[in-house]
Amino acid sequence: MDSTLVVFYSYTGVTRRAARLLASQHDFALGEVTDVEPRATWRCVFDSLLRRHPPIRYEGPDPGRFRNVVLMTPVWAYRLAGPMRTFATQYREKLPRAGVICTMNSGGAPNVFRELSHILGHGLIRAGAFTAGGIEDGTATADLVDFGSRLDERPVPQPTVHHFPSVLPMD
């Protein structure tokens, strides 16, 4: 079984840059989730708010071959991006040790962590959030690389979302 696979979805390219950096610094394998249909900004927002599962393509190695899988996703409207929701749902049985990295402008990462834990049916081995600005200007690089170094450490407690009133019940 291989060590770690990084699976990312990127609409603007920020998450793609972060995923490539993480994978290259640790020699992790890389997989990409893409849209089947062209995407517009409003569709991104509606897919997230309505928790839709848009059709996707996945190009990369079989996640079941890896000990760890890091899911990298943008945060849209304080929620999980629809294409990553689809991927996590379709591949959940192959993701027993999943971590997540969110890229965002301002907030919403705890909501994404909670939703992915719910979809997967278990906690995350590691969770991190980075601003798009920190990825673009390089100030997040050291923390991003450190995230990859800590994947095999004891899992971290799951974050709470009680301070984000935009969270809808998952039940």
Protein backbone atom coordinates (compact mmCIF):
# COMPACT_ATOMS: atom_id res chain seq x y z
CA MET A 1 0.00 0.00 0.00
CA ASP A 2 1.36 3.40 -0.98
CA SER A 3 1.67 6.19 1.58
CA THR A 4 -0.38 9.24 0.61
CA LEU A 5 -2.58 10.48 -2.21
CA VAL A 6 -3.61 14.12 -2.57
CA VAL A 7 -6.97 14.55 -4.35
CA PHE A 8 -7.95 18.09 -5.22
CA TYR A 9 -10.68 20.10 -6.89
CA SER A 10 -9.86 23.63 -8.02
CA TYR A 11 -12.06 26.19 -9.74
CA THR A 12 -9.70 29.20 -9.73
CA GLY A 13 -6.35 27.42 -9.55
CA VAL A 14 -5.50 28.26 -5.91
CA THR A 15 -6.25 24.79 -4.58
CA ARG A 16 -4.40 23.25 -7.55
CA ARG A 17 -1.26 25.25 -6.68
CA ALA A 18 -1.50 24.19 -3.03
CA ALA A 19 -2.05 20.52 -3.94
CA ARG A 20 0.88 20.46 -6.32
CA LEU A 21 3.11 22.06 -3.71
CA LEU A 22 2.09 19.58 -1.01
CA ALA A 23 2.51 16.60 -3.33
CA SER A 24 5.88 17.73 -4.68
CA GLN A 25 7.35 18.46 -1.23
CA HIS A 26 6.50 14.97 0.07
CA ASP A 27 6.54 12.91 -3.12
CA PHE A 28 2.80 12.19 -2.70
CA ALA A 29 0.71 10.94 -5.61
CA LEU A 30 -1.80 13.40 -7.07
CA GLY A 31 -5.36 13.03 -8.34
CA GLU A 32 -7.69 15.69 -9.73
CA VAL A 33 -11.46 16.08 -9.61
CA THR A 34 -12.89 18.05 -12.54
CA ASP A 35 -16.33 19.14 -13.64
CA VAL A 36 -18.17 17.21 -16.33
CA GLU A 37 -20.14 20.34 -17.27
CA PRO A 38 -18.83 23.91 -17.50
CA ARG A 39 -19.18 25.76 -14.22
CA ALA A 40 -20.14 29.37 -13.53
CA THR A 41 -19.80 31.26 -10.24
CA TRP A 42 -23.52 31.14 -9.41
CA ARG A 43 -23.60 27.40 -9.97
CA CYS A 44 -20.69 27.04 -7.51
CA VAL A 45 -22.65 28.94 -4.87
CA PHE A 46 -25.94 27.09 -5.46
CA ASP A 47 -24.26 23.66 -5.49
CA SER A 48 -22.70 24.46 -2.13
CA LEU A 49 -25.72 26.06 -0.48
CA LEU A 50 -28.06 23.30 -1.66
CA ARG A 51 -25.49 20.55 -1.00
CA ARG A 52 -25.83 19.23 -4.52
CA HIS A 53 -23.67 16.48 -6.02
CA PRO A 54 -22.67 17.69 -9.49
CA PRO A 55 -21.27 15.14 -11.96
CA ILE A 56 -17.47 14.86 -11.85
CA ARG A 57 -14.51 13.17 -13.48
CA TYR A 58 -11.67 11.83 -11.39
CA GLU A 59 -8.22 11.45 -12.93
CA GLY A 60 -5.67 9.81 -10.70
CA PRO A 61 -4.68 6.64 -8.89
CA ASP A 62 -7.21 4.47 -7.07
CA PRO A 63 -7.59 6.01 -3.57
CA GLY A 64 -7.98 2.51 -2.11
CA ARG A 65 -4.28 1.85 -2.76
CA PHE A 66 -3.17 4.50 -0.25
CA ARG A 67 -2.82 4.58 3.50
CA ASN A 68 -3.76 8.30 3.66
CA VAL A 69 -5.80 10.45 1.31
CA VAL A 70 -5.75 14.23 1.62
CA LEU A 71 -8.82 15.91 0.12
CA MET A 72 -8.14 19.49 -0.96
CA THR A 73 -11.09 21.71 -1.71
CA PRO A 74 -12.10 25.34 -1.92
CA VAL A 75 -14.75 26.66 0.46
CA TRP A 76 -17.75 28.16 -1.31
CA ALA A 77 -20.42 30.11 0.57
CA TYR A 78 -19.00 28.74 3.86
CA ARG A 79 -19.57 25.17 2.64
CA LEU A 80 -17.90 22.26 0.86
CA ALA A 81 -17.48 22.68 -2.90
CA GLY A 82 -20.01 20.51 -4.74
CA PRO A 83 -17.50 18.54 -6.85
CA MET A 84 -15.54 17.46 -3.75
CA ARG A 85 -18.83 16.48 -2.08
CA THR A 86 -19.51 14.20 -5.05
CA PHE A 87 -16.01 12.69 -4.91
CA ALA A 88 -16.17 12.03 -1.15
CA THR A 89 -19.59 10.41 -1.52
CA GLN A 90 -18.55 8.21 -4.45
CA TYR A 91 -15.24 7.12 -2.92
CA ARG A 92 -16.06 7.09 0.82
CA GLU A 93 -15.42 3.35 1.15
CA LYS A 94 -11.87 3.90 -0.10
CA LEU A 95 -11.15 6.76 2.32
CA PRO A 96 -10.74 5.21 5.80
CA ARG A 97 -7.86 7.60 6.64
CA ALA A 98 -8.73 10.96 5.14
CA GLY A 99 -7.44 14.41 5.93
CA VAL A 100 -8.68 17.65 4.44
CA ILE A 101 -7.20 20.98 3.47
CA CYS A 102 -9.49 23.88 2.62
CA THR A 103 -8.55 26.96 0.66
CA MET A 104 -10.77 29.96 1.27
CA ASN A 105 -11.04 33.71 1.18
CA SER A 106 -12.24 34.19 4.73
CA GLY A 107 -14.03 31.35 6.53
CA GLY A 108 -16.19 28.26 6.54
CA ALA A 109 -13.53 25.58 7.02
CA PRO A 110 -15.14 24.10 10.18
CA ASN A 111 -18.35 23.57 8.20
CA VAL A 112 -16.39 21.70 5.52
CA PHE A 113 -14.62 19.53 8.11
CA ARG A 114 -17.94 18.62 9.69
CA GLU A 115 -19.64 17.83 6.38
CA LEU A 116 -16.77 15.65 5.15
CA SER A 117 -16.71 13.75 8.45
CA HIS A 118 -20.45 13.19 8.06
CA ILE A 119 -20.11 11.99 4.45
CA LEU A 120 -17.22 9.67 5.27
CA GLY A 121 -18.83 8.34 8.42
CA HIS A 122 -15.72 8.91 10.57
CA GLY A 123 -13.39 11.63 11.78
CA LEU A 124 -10.58 13.16 9.78
CA ILE A 125 -6.96 12.27 10.54
CA ARG A 126 -5.94 15.91 10.06
CA ALA A 127 -7.70 19.11 9.01
CA GLY A 128 -6.22 22.41 7.88
CA ALA A 129 -7.39 25.66 6.34
CA PHE A 130 -5.42 28.19 4.36
CA THR A 131 -6.40 31.51 2.85
CA ALA A 132 -6.13 31.95 -0.87
CA GLY A 133 -3.88 34.93 -0.21
CA GLY A 134 -1.52 32.82 1.90
CA ILE A 135 -1.26 30.23 -0.87
CA GLU A 136 -0.73 32.85 -3.57
CA ASP A 137 1.90 34.92 -1.73
CA GLY A 138 3.72 31.93 -0.21
CA THR A 139 3.14 32.77 3.45
CA ALA A 140 1.24 29.48 3.92
CA THR A 141 3.94 27.30 2.37
CA ALA A 142 5.68 26.20 5.58
CA ASP A 143 2.38 25.30 7.28
CA LEU A 144 1.18 23.45 4.21
CA VAL A 145 4.37 21.38 4.04
CA ASP A 146 4.14 20.75 7.81
CA PHE A 147 0.59 19.41 7.34
CA GLY A 148 1.96 16.71 5.04
CA SER A 149 4.66 15.79 7.55
CA ARG A 150 2.08 15.14 10.27
CA LEU A 151 -0.32 12.79 8.47
CA ASP A 152 0.82 9.69 10.31
CA GLU A 153 0.73 11.29 13.76
CA ARG A 154 -2.12 10.63 16.15
CA PRO A 155 -5.36 12.15 14.79
CA VAL A 156 -6.29 15.62 16.00
CA PRO A 157 -9.60 16.30 17.76
CA GLN A 158 -12.29 17.40 15.34
CA PRO A 159 -13.06 21.12 15.20
CA THR A 160 -16.42 22.41 16.32
CA VAL A 161 -18.73 24.66 14.33
CA HIS A 162 -20.92 26.15 17.06
CA HIS A 163 -19.73 29.67 16.27
CA PHE A 164 -20.79 29.52 12.60
CA PRO A 165 -24.54 30.28 12.46
CA SER A 166 -24.66 29.49 8.72
CA VAL A 167 -24.36 25.75 9.42
CA LEU A 168 -27.47 23.76 8.64
CA PRO A 169 -28.14 20.53 10.55
CA MET A 170 -26.59 17.52 8.83
CA ASP A 171 -29.09 15.01 10.22
